[in-house]
N, C-alpha and C. Protein backbone atom coordinates (compact mmCIF):
# COMPACT_ATOMS: atom_id res chain seq x y z
N MET A 1 37.00 40.85 -44.94
CA MET A 1 36.67 42.29 -43.84
C MET A 1 35.91 43.24 -44.36
N SER A 2 36.16 43.37 -45.82
CA SER A 2 35.62 44.71 -46.85
C SER A 2 34.53 44.28 -47.25
N ASP A 3 33.41 43.01 -46.62
CA ASP A 3 32.52 43.03 -46.88
C ASP A 3 31.25 43.44 -46.03
N LEU A 4 32.15 43.72 -44.70
CA LEU A 4 31.03 44.33 -43.74
C LEU A 4 30.39 46.02 -43.99
N PRO A 5 29.34 45.90 -43.37
CA PRO A 5 28.25 46.97 -43.66
C PRO A 5 29.42 47.97 -42.81
N PRO A 6 29.39 49.22 -43.01
CA PRO A 6 29.79 50.11 -42.19
C PRO A 6 28.86 50.52 -40.79
N ALA A 7 29.69 50.58 -40.27
CA ALA A 7 29.17 51.11 -38.56
C ALA A 7 28.57 52.30 -38.36
N SER A 8 27.15 52.11 -38.00
CA SER A 8 26.22 53.10 -37.91
C SER A 8 26.20 53.84 -36.37
N PRO A 9 26.08 54.74 -35.89
CA PRO A 9 25.64 54.53 -34.24
C PRO A 9 24.39 54.55 -34.28
N PRO A 10 23.85 54.10 -32.83
CA PRO A 10 22.91 53.42 -32.74
C PRO A 10 21.94 54.55 -32.53
N SER A 11 20.64 54.20 -32.71
CA SER A 11 19.71 55.56 -33.08
C SER A 11 18.97 55.73 -31.70
N SER A 12 18.71 56.86 -31.22
CA SER A 12 18.37 57.26 -30.23
C SER A 12 16.47 57.21 -30.07
N SER A 13 16.29 56.81 -31.20
CA SER A 13 14.50 56.82 -31.02
C SER A 13 14.01 55.57 -30.64
N THR A 14 14.64 54.95 -30.05
CA THR A 14 14.16 53.64 -30.09
C THR A 14 13.24 53.94 -28.43
N PRO A 15 12.16 52.98 -28.30
CA PRO A 15 11.41 53.67 -27.12
C PRO A 15 12.20 53.14 -25.71
N ASN A 16 13.31 52.48 -25.42
CA ASN A 16 13.77 52.29 -24.22
C ASN A 16 14.68 53.09 -23.94
N GLU A 17 15.55 53.81 -25.17
CA GLU A 17 16.27 55.06 -24.51
C GLU A 17 15.88 56.21 -24.43
N THR A 18 14.41 56.34 -24.71
CA THR A 18 13.47 57.55 -24.63
C THR A 18 13.00 57.64 -23.57
N ALA A 19 12.79 56.47 -22.58
CA ALA A 19 12.07 56.83 -21.32
C ALA A 19 13.03 57.40 -20.31
N LYS A 20 12.19 58.09 -19.88
CA LYS A 20 12.93 59.16 -18.64
C LYS A 20 13.27 58.52 -17.41
N LEU A 21 14.53 58.60 -16.64
CA LEU A 21 14.49 57.83 -15.51
C LEU A 21 13.58 59.01 -14.11
N THR A 22 12.74 58.21 -13.70
CA THR A 22 11.87 59.12 -12.84
C THR A 22 11.93 58.40 -11.55
N PRO A 23 11.64 59.18 -10.31
CA PRO A 23 11.53 58.32 -8.94
C PRO A 23 10.57 57.22 -8.81
N GLN A 24 9.67 57.71 -9.71
CA GLN A 24 8.10 56.71 -9.80
C GLN A 24 8.39 55.19 -10.03
N ARG A 25 8.98 55.51 -11.37
CA ARG A 25 9.90 54.06 -11.96
C ARG A 25 10.86 53.10 -11.34
N CYS A 26 11.68 54.09 -10.43
CA CYS A 26 12.45 53.40 -9.62
C CYS A 26 11.78 52.78 -9.02
N LEU A 27 10.42 53.59 -7.77
CA LEU A 27 10.02 52.81 -6.62
C LEU A 27 9.40 51.85 -7.21
N PHE A 28 8.48 52.05 -8.20
CA PHE A 28 7.87 50.90 -8.47
C PHE A 28 8.52 49.72 -9.00
N GLY A 29 10.05 49.70 -9.52
CA GLY A 29 10.69 48.79 -9.73
C GLY A 29 11.25 47.90 -8.41
N SER A 30 11.47 48.73 -7.21
CA SER A 30 11.48 48.68 -6.14
C SER A 30 10.77 47.66 -5.55
N VAL A 31 9.48 47.84 -5.57
CA VAL A 31 8.47 47.40 -5.34
C VAL A 31 8.13 45.73 -5.77
N ILE A 32 8.21 46.25 -7.00
CA ILE A 32 8.29 44.56 -7.83
C ILE A 32 9.88 43.74 -7.24
N ALA A 33 10.71 44.32 -7.18
CA ALA A 33 11.64 43.65 -6.47
C ALA A 33 11.99 43.23 -5.49
N GLY A 34 11.08 43.96 -4.72
CA GLY A 34 11.21 43.28 -3.12
C GLY A 34 10.16 42.59 -2.69
N ALA A 35 8.89 42.49 -3.69
CA ALA A 35 7.80 41.79 -3.71
C ALA A 35 8.95 40.20 -4.00
N LEU A 36 9.50 40.06 -5.29
CA LEU A 36 10.01 38.76 -5.60
C LEU A 36 10.78 38.46 -4.89
N ALA A 37 11.85 39.13 -3.94
CA ALA A 37 12.65 38.69 -2.94
C ALA A 37 11.78 38.26 -1.94
N TYR A 38 10.47 38.75 -1.34
CA TYR A 38 9.63 38.19 -0.12
C TYR A 38 9.34 37.06 -0.80
N CYS A 39 8.80 36.56 -2.11
CA CYS A 39 8.26 35.03 -2.70
C CYS A 39 9.38 34.33 -2.52
N MET A 40 10.44 34.95 -3.03
CA MET A 40 12.10 34.00 -2.92
C MET A 40 12.07 33.81 -1.41
N TYR A 41 12.07 34.08 -0.72
CA TYR A 41 12.59 33.94 0.95
C TYR A 41 11.13 33.24 1.53
N LEU A 42 10.45 33.41 1.59
CA LEU A 42 8.95 32.03 1.11
C LEU A 42 9.51 31.07 1.10
N MET A 43 9.82 30.77 -0.33
CA MET A 43 9.83 29.46 -0.74
C MET A 43 11.41 28.98 -0.39
N THR A 44 12.58 29.71 -0.08
CA THR A 44 13.39 29.12 0.54
C THR A 44 13.27 28.47 1.89
N SER A 45 12.39 29.31 2.54
CA SER A 45 11.98 28.64 4.04
C SER A 45 11.31 27.43 4.01
N ALA A 46 10.30 27.63 2.53
CA ALA A 46 9.67 26.12 2.63
C ALA A 46 10.72 24.99 2.09
N ILE A 47 11.24 25.48 1.28
CA ILE A 47 12.57 24.31 1.01
C ILE A 47 13.27 23.66 2.24
N ALA A 48 13.53 24.62 3.15
CA ALA A 48 14.43 24.02 3.85
C ALA A 48 13.86 23.52 4.74
N GLN A 49 12.73 24.16 5.48
CA GLN A 49 11.66 23.31 6.07
C GLN A 49 11.71 21.73 5.79
N SER A 50 10.96 21.83 4.28
CA SER A 50 10.99 20.55 3.95
C SER A 50 12.00 19.54 3.19
N PHE A 51 13.15 20.11 3.59
CA PHE A 51 14.56 19.13 3.65
C PHE A 51 15.02 18.68 4.98
N ALA A 52 14.29 19.64 5.99
CA ALA A 52 14.62 19.15 7.22
C ALA A 52 13.58 18.12 7.88
N LEU A 53 12.65 18.14 7.47
CA LEU A 53 11.30 17.25 7.67
C LEU A 53 11.50 15.69 7.16
N HIS A 54 12.15 16.05 5.71
CA HIS A 54 12.08 14.43 5.37
C HIS A 54 14.03 14.17 5.32
N LYS A 55 14.49 13.44 6.18
CA LYS A 55 15.28 13.28 5.86
C LYS A 55 15.64 11.96 4.78
N VAL A 56 16.98 11.56 4.61
CA VAL A 56 17.10 10.84 3.65
C VAL A 56 17.45 9.62 4.43
N GLN A 57 16.61 8.47 3.69
CA GLN A 57 16.69 7.20 4.77
C GLN A 57 17.53 6.52 4.17
N SER A 58 18.89 6.29 3.81
CA SER A 58 19.68 5.55 3.24
C SER A 58 20.73 5.77 4.12
N THR A 59 21.19 4.24 4.40
CA THR A 59 22.64 4.13 5.00
C THR A 59 24.00 4.28 4.64
N ASN A 60 23.90 4.85 2.92
CA ASN A 60 24.87 4.49 1.95
C ASN A 60 25.39 5.63 2.10
N LEU A 61 26.66 5.88 2.48
CA LEU A 61 27.61 7.48 2.95
C LEU A 61 27.55 7.87 1.28
N ILE A 62 27.60 7.63 0.19
CA ILE A 62 27.68 8.25 -1.02
C ILE A 62 26.39 8.96 -0.99
N VAL A 63 25.43 8.17 -1.22
CA VAL A 63 24.13 8.92 -1.13
C VAL A 63 23.62 9.75 -0.07
N GLN A 64 24.12 9.66 0.99
CA GLN A 64 23.78 10.65 2.25
C GLN A 64 24.76 11.84 1.54
N ARG A 65 26.04 12.10 1.10
CA ARG A 65 26.98 12.88 0.63
C ARG A 65 26.04 13.76 -0.46
N ILE A 66 25.86 12.91 -1.46
CA ILE A 66 25.39 13.62 -2.72
C ILE A 66 23.94 14.13 -2.29
N SER A 67 23.13 13.69 -1.47
CA SER A 67 21.84 14.45 -1.26
C SER A 67 22.27 15.71 -0.78
N ALA A 68 23.18 15.61 0.77
CA ALA A 68 23.43 17.01 1.31
C ALA A 68 23.87 17.62 0.53
N ALA A 69 25.00 17.61 -0.48
CA ALA A 69 25.18 18.61 -1.48
C ALA A 69 23.94 19.04 -2.28
N VAL A 70 23.14 18.24 -2.72
CA VAL A 70 22.14 18.79 -3.40
C VAL A 70 21.37 19.11 -2.51
N ARG A 71 20.98 19.28 -1.58
CA ARG A 71 20.24 20.11 -0.64
C ARG A 71 20.99 21.51 -0.14
N THR A 72 22.36 21.27 0.06
CA THR A 72 22.66 22.63 -0.01
C THR A 72 22.96 23.52 -0.96
N LEU A 73 23.05 23.09 -2.33
CA LEU A 73 22.73 23.80 -3.54
C LEU A 73 21.71 24.21 -3.89
N VAL A 74 20.40 23.39 -3.67
CA VAL A 74 19.36 24.08 -3.88
C VAL A 74 18.95 25.11 -3.08
N VAL A 75 19.12 25.08 -1.38
CA VAL A 75 19.08 26.10 -0.60
C VAL A 75 19.82 27.33 -0.90
N GLY A 76 21.05 26.78 -1.37
CA GLY A 76 21.78 27.92 -1.54
C GLY A 76 21.58 28.97 -2.63
N MET A 77 20.79 28.77 -3.89
CA MET A 77 20.77 29.08 -5.00
C MET A 77 19.04 29.62 -4.60
N THR A 78 18.37 29.19 -4.26
CA THR A 78 17.32 30.27 -3.76
C THR A 78 17.43 31.55 -2.68
N THR A 79 18.80 30.91 -1.61
CA THR A 79 18.87 32.31 -0.80
C THR A 79 19.42 33.14 -1.91
N MET A 80 20.34 32.56 -2.52
CA MET A 80 21.16 34.12 -3.74
C MET A 80 19.73 34.41 -4.65
N GLY A 81 19.06 34.11 -5.09
CA GLY A 81 17.92 34.81 -5.68
C GLY A 81 17.52 35.38 -4.99
N THR A 82 17.20 35.05 -3.43
CA THR A 82 16.52 36.23 -2.69
C THR A 82 17.35 37.38 -2.40
N GLY A 83 18.76 37.37 -2.32
CA GLY A 83 19.43 38.14 -2.10
C GLY A 83 19.59 39.34 -2.80
N VAL A 84 19.71 38.52 -4.20
CA VAL A 84 19.87 39.47 -5.50
C VAL A 84 18.70 40.45 -5.69
N PHE A 85 17.12 40.08 -5.53
CA PHE A 85 16.25 40.75 -5.68
C PHE A 85 16.25 41.76 -4.01
N GLY A 86 16.28 41.01 -3.59
CA GLY A 86 16.61 42.32 -2.11
C GLY A 86 17.37 43.44 -2.29
N LEU A 87 18.68 43.18 -2.86
CA LEU A 87 19.41 43.95 -3.36
C LEU A 87 19.35 45.07 -4.24
N ALA A 88 18.44 44.28 -5.10
CA ALA A 88 17.93 45.45 -6.49
C ALA A 88 17.19 46.29 -6.18
N ALA A 89 16.15 45.65 -5.00
CA ALA A 89 15.08 46.26 -4.43
C ALA A 89 15.58 48.00 -3.73
N ILE A 90 16.80 47.45 -2.80
CA ILE A 90 17.41 48.61 -2.28
C ILE A 90 17.95 49.45 -2.88
N GLY A 91 18.91 49.04 -3.98
CA GLY A 91 19.04 50.08 -4.87
C GLY A 91 18.25 50.97 -5.73
N LEU A 92 17.28 50.31 -6.26
CA LEU A 92 16.73 50.80 -7.21
C LEU A 92 15.62 52.15 -5.68
N PHE A 93 15.52 51.49 -5.05
CA PHE A 93 15.08 52.83 -3.65
C PHE A 93 16.07 53.33 -3.44
N ALA A 94 17.14 53.44 -3.44
CA ALA A 94 18.35 54.50 -3.00
C ALA A 94 18.18 55.42 -4.40
N LEU A 95 18.12 54.79 -5.41
CA LEU A 95 18.33 55.77 -6.88
C LEU A 95 17.21 56.22 -7.10
N ALA A 96 16.07 55.84 -6.15
CA ALA A 96 14.96 57.21 -6.20
C ALA A 96 15.07 58.26 -5.35
N ILE A 97 15.73 57.98 -4.37
CA ILE A 97 16.08 58.99 -3.15
C ILE A 97 17.03 59.89 -4.01
N GLN A 98 18.15 59.78 -4.38
CA GLN A 98 19.43 60.28 -5.15
C GLN A 98 18.32 61.01 -6.43
N ILE A 99 17.73 60.64 -7.14
CA ILE A 99 16.97 61.20 -7.95
C ILE A 99 16.32 62.21 -7.67
N VAL A 100 15.69 62.02 -6.61
CA VAL A 100 14.76 63.56 -5.93
C VAL A 100 15.83 64.61 -5.65
N VAL A 101 16.72 64.18 -4.44
CA VAL A 101 17.96 64.98 -4.11
C VAL A 101 18.51 65.70 -5.14
N GLN A 102 18.96 65.14 -6.11
CA GLN A 102 19.66 65.79 -7.28
C GLN A 102 18.66 66.56 -7.78
N ARG A 103 17.57 66.57 -8.15
CA ARG A 103 16.67 67.63 -8.65
C ARG A 103 16.15 68.41 -7.73
N ARG A 104 16.09 68.28 -6.58
CA ARG A 104 15.87 69.65 -5.67
C ARG A 104 17.23 70.34 -5.78
N ASN A 105 18.81 70.03 -5.74
CA ASN A 105 19.30 70.89 -5.79
C ASN A 105 19.95 71.27 -6.88
N GLN A 106 18.99 70.85 -7.97
CA GLN A 106 19.47 71.76 -9.24
C GLN A 106 18.93 73.33 -9.23
N PRO A 107 19.65 74.01 -10.46
CA PRO A 107 19.01 75.55 -10.21
C PRO A 107 17.86 75.53 -11.00
N ALA A 108 17.10 76.23 -10.70
CA ALA A 108 16.00 76.23 -11.63
C ALA A 108 15.98 76.74 -12.92
N ASN A 109 15.85 76.29 -14.21
CA ASN A 109 15.65 77.12 -15.62
C ASN A 109 14.82 77.72 -15.76
N SER A 110 15.33 79.25 -16.22
CA SER A 110 14.05 80.35 -16.51
C SER A 110 14.11 80.08 -17.81
N ASP A 111 14.32 79.03 -18.56
CA ASP A 111 13.57 79.27 -19.91
C ASP A 111 12.19 78.94 -20.08
């Protein structure tokens, strides 16, 4: 254990840490996440329609059950992606509103 270098505090000069959180950046991120959610929604809808139009042509019960499970997993994963991006868009939009409200309620600095 004595071979480990001493722990140093993280430097605050990296570009990611010095970037300020602004309502514009939150809204831009919200628009991007919303666009991704909409694209995922369209993809989910297209996949579900494709699965509905192309039924499994097998009489084997095992094949039918496996194909139903795979179809459910595929549609479920794309739906989950849609939900994640949708919630991220809503959260970023709400964060932008919160930042604007907090800045209006702050007392003005006379420095």
